[in-house]
Structure formats: structure tokens, C-alpha cells
Protein backbone atom coordinates (compact mmCIF):
# COMPACT_ATOMS: atom_id res chain seq x y z
CA UNK A 1 0.00 0.00 0.00
CA UNK A 2 2.82 2.35 0.73
CA UNK A 3 4.04 2.17 -2.88
CA UNK A 4 0.62 3.10 -4.19
CA UNK A 5 0.51 6.13 -1.87
CA UNK A 6 3.93 7.24 -3.07
CA UNK A 7 2.85 6.88 -6.69
CA UNK A 8 -0.31 8.89 -6.05
CA UNK A 9 1.73 11.58 -4.30
CA UNK A 10 4.19 11.69 -7.23
CA UNK A 11 1.32 11.86 -9.68
CA UNK A 12 -0.19 14.74 -7.74
CA UNK A 13 3.12 16.59 -7.70
CA UNK A 14 3.59 15.96 -11.40
CA UNK A 15 0.18 17.45 -12.23
CA UNK A 16 0.98 20.44 -10.04
CA UNK A 17 4.28 20.94 -11.89
CA UNK A 18 2.53 20.66 -15.24
CA UNK A 19 0.01 23.30 -14.16
CA UNK A 20 2.80 25.61 -13.00
CA UNK A 21 4.69 25.07 -16.25
CA UNK A 22 1.64 25.93 -18.34
CA UNK A 23 1.00 29.05 -16.26
CA UNK A 24 4.61 30.10 -16.70
CA UNK A 25 4.42 29.53 -20.46
CA UNK A 26 1.35 31.76 -20.68
CA UNK A 27 3.05 34.44 -18.57
CA UNK A 28 6.16 34.20 -20.77
CA UNK A 29 4.07 34.68 -23.91
CA UNK A 30 2.39 37.71 -22.37
CA UNK A 31 5.78 39.15 -21.41
CA UNK A 32 7.15 38.55 -24.91
CA UNK A 33 4.15 40.34 -26.39
CA UNK A 34 4.59 43.27 -23.99
CA UNK A 35 8.29 43.43 -24.83
CA UNK A 36 7.53 43.50 -28.53
CA UNK A 37 4.97 46.28 -28.09
CA UNK A 38 7.36 48.28 -25.93
CA UNK A 39 10.16 47.83 -28.47
CA UNK A 40 7.88 49.10 -31.24
CA UNK A 41 6.91 52.13 -29.15
CA UNK A 42 10.56 52.85 -28.41
CA UNK A 43 11.47 52.64 -32.10
CA UNK A 44 8.69 55.09 -32.94
CA UNK A 45 9.90 57.49 -30.24
CA UNK A 46 13.45 57.24 -31.57
CA UNK A 47 12.16 58.09 -35.05
CA UNK A 48 10.29 61.11 -33.70
CA UNK A 49 13.41 62.16 -31.81
CA UNK A 50 15.54 61.89 -34.96
CA UNK A 51 13.00 63.97 -36.89
CA UNK A 52 13.05 66.68 -34.23
CA UNK A 53 16.87 66.62 -34.17
CA UNK A 54 16.94 67.10 -37.95
CA UNK A 55 14.51 70.01 -37.68
CA UNK A 56 16.57 71.53 -34.90
CA UNK A 57 19.78 71.19 -36.93
CA UNK A 58 18.08 72.78 -39.95
CA UNK A 59 16.88 75.65 -37.77
CA UNK A 60 20.37 76.17 -36.38
CA UNK A 61 21.73 76.27 -39.94
CA UNK A 62 19.11 78.76 -41.03
CA UNK A 63 19.80 80.96 -38.02
CA UNK A 64 23.52 80.76 -38.76
CA UNK A 65 22.95 82.08 -42.26
CA UNK A 66 20.79 84.95 -40.99
CA UNK A 67 23.29 86.19 -38.40
CA UNK A 68 26.18 88.52 -39.07
CA UNK A 69 28.62 85.93 -37.70
CA UNK A 70 30.75 84.75 -40.64
CA UNK A 71 31.88 81.58 -38.86
CA UNK A 72 28.24 80.59 -38.27
CA UNK A 73 27.44 81.31 -41.93
CA UNK A 74 30.34 79.14 -43.07
CA UNK A 75 29.22 76.28 -40.80
CA UNK A 76 25.65 76.59 -42.08
CA UNK A 77 26.75 76.63 -45.70
CA UNK A 78 29.05 73.67 -45.09
CA UNK A 79 26.13 71.80 -43.52
CA UNK A 80 23.92 72.63 -46.50
CA UNK A 81 26.65 71.49 -48.92
CA UNK A 82 26.98 68.21 -47.01
CA UNK A 83 23.22 67.68 -47.23
CA UNK A 84 23.24 68.41 -50.95
CA UNK A 85 26.08 65.92 -51.45
CA UNK A 86 24.13 63.32 -49.48
CA UNK A 87 21.03 63.89 -51.62
CA UNK A 88 23.13 63.67 -54.80
CA UNK A 89 24.62 60.36 -53.58
CA UNK A 90 21.12 59.00 -52.91
CA UNK A 91 19.95 60.03 -56.37
CA UNK A 92 22.99 58.35 -57.90
CA UNK A 93 22.21 55.16 -55.97
CA UNK A 94 18.62 55.25 -57.24
CA UNK A 95 19.83 55.69 -60.81
CA UNK A 96 22.21 52.75 -60.46
CA UNK A 97 19.35 50.62 -59.11
CA UNK A 98 17.20 51.20 -62.21
């Protein structure tokens, strides 16, 4: 009889472990989903931040051109030239891709 009791106790513990495992799997899936959603939100916020940084840099360049400071004008014009070169390189890449 003692062996049967031990087997029943082991069976009970096994079912309890299976239940815990299934609960942990469900929790893990929920956490993975939350992580994915949070990662997407973070990527969107980074994109917004980059857009604002670009706007800020453009504003600084424009203000540099409008001031009487020659060094600021030169920096602004250099920045504009760099942007034009970047756009030209992109256009060239698009033409190569055709």
C-alpha cells in the first residue's frame, strides 16, 4: 500500500508541476508580447526624436545664415553642402538601381 501512496503523491506533484509550467508559459508569452509592443513604441519614439533633431539642426543652420557671424554662416553653408552631397549620392544610388 505504501508504494501506491507514493505513486499517487508523485502523480499529484507531477500534475501540479505541469500546471505551473503551463501558467509560466502563458506568462512568458504575455511578457514577450509586452516586450515587442514596448520595443515598437521605443522605435517610434526614436524616429520622432531623430526627426526633431533634424529640424533643430536645420533651424540652427538657417539661423547661422541669418546672423552677421561669418563663422556661423560658413558652418551653415558647409552643412547645406553636405546635405546636398548626401542627396546627390542618394539620387545616384537610385539611378544605379534602375
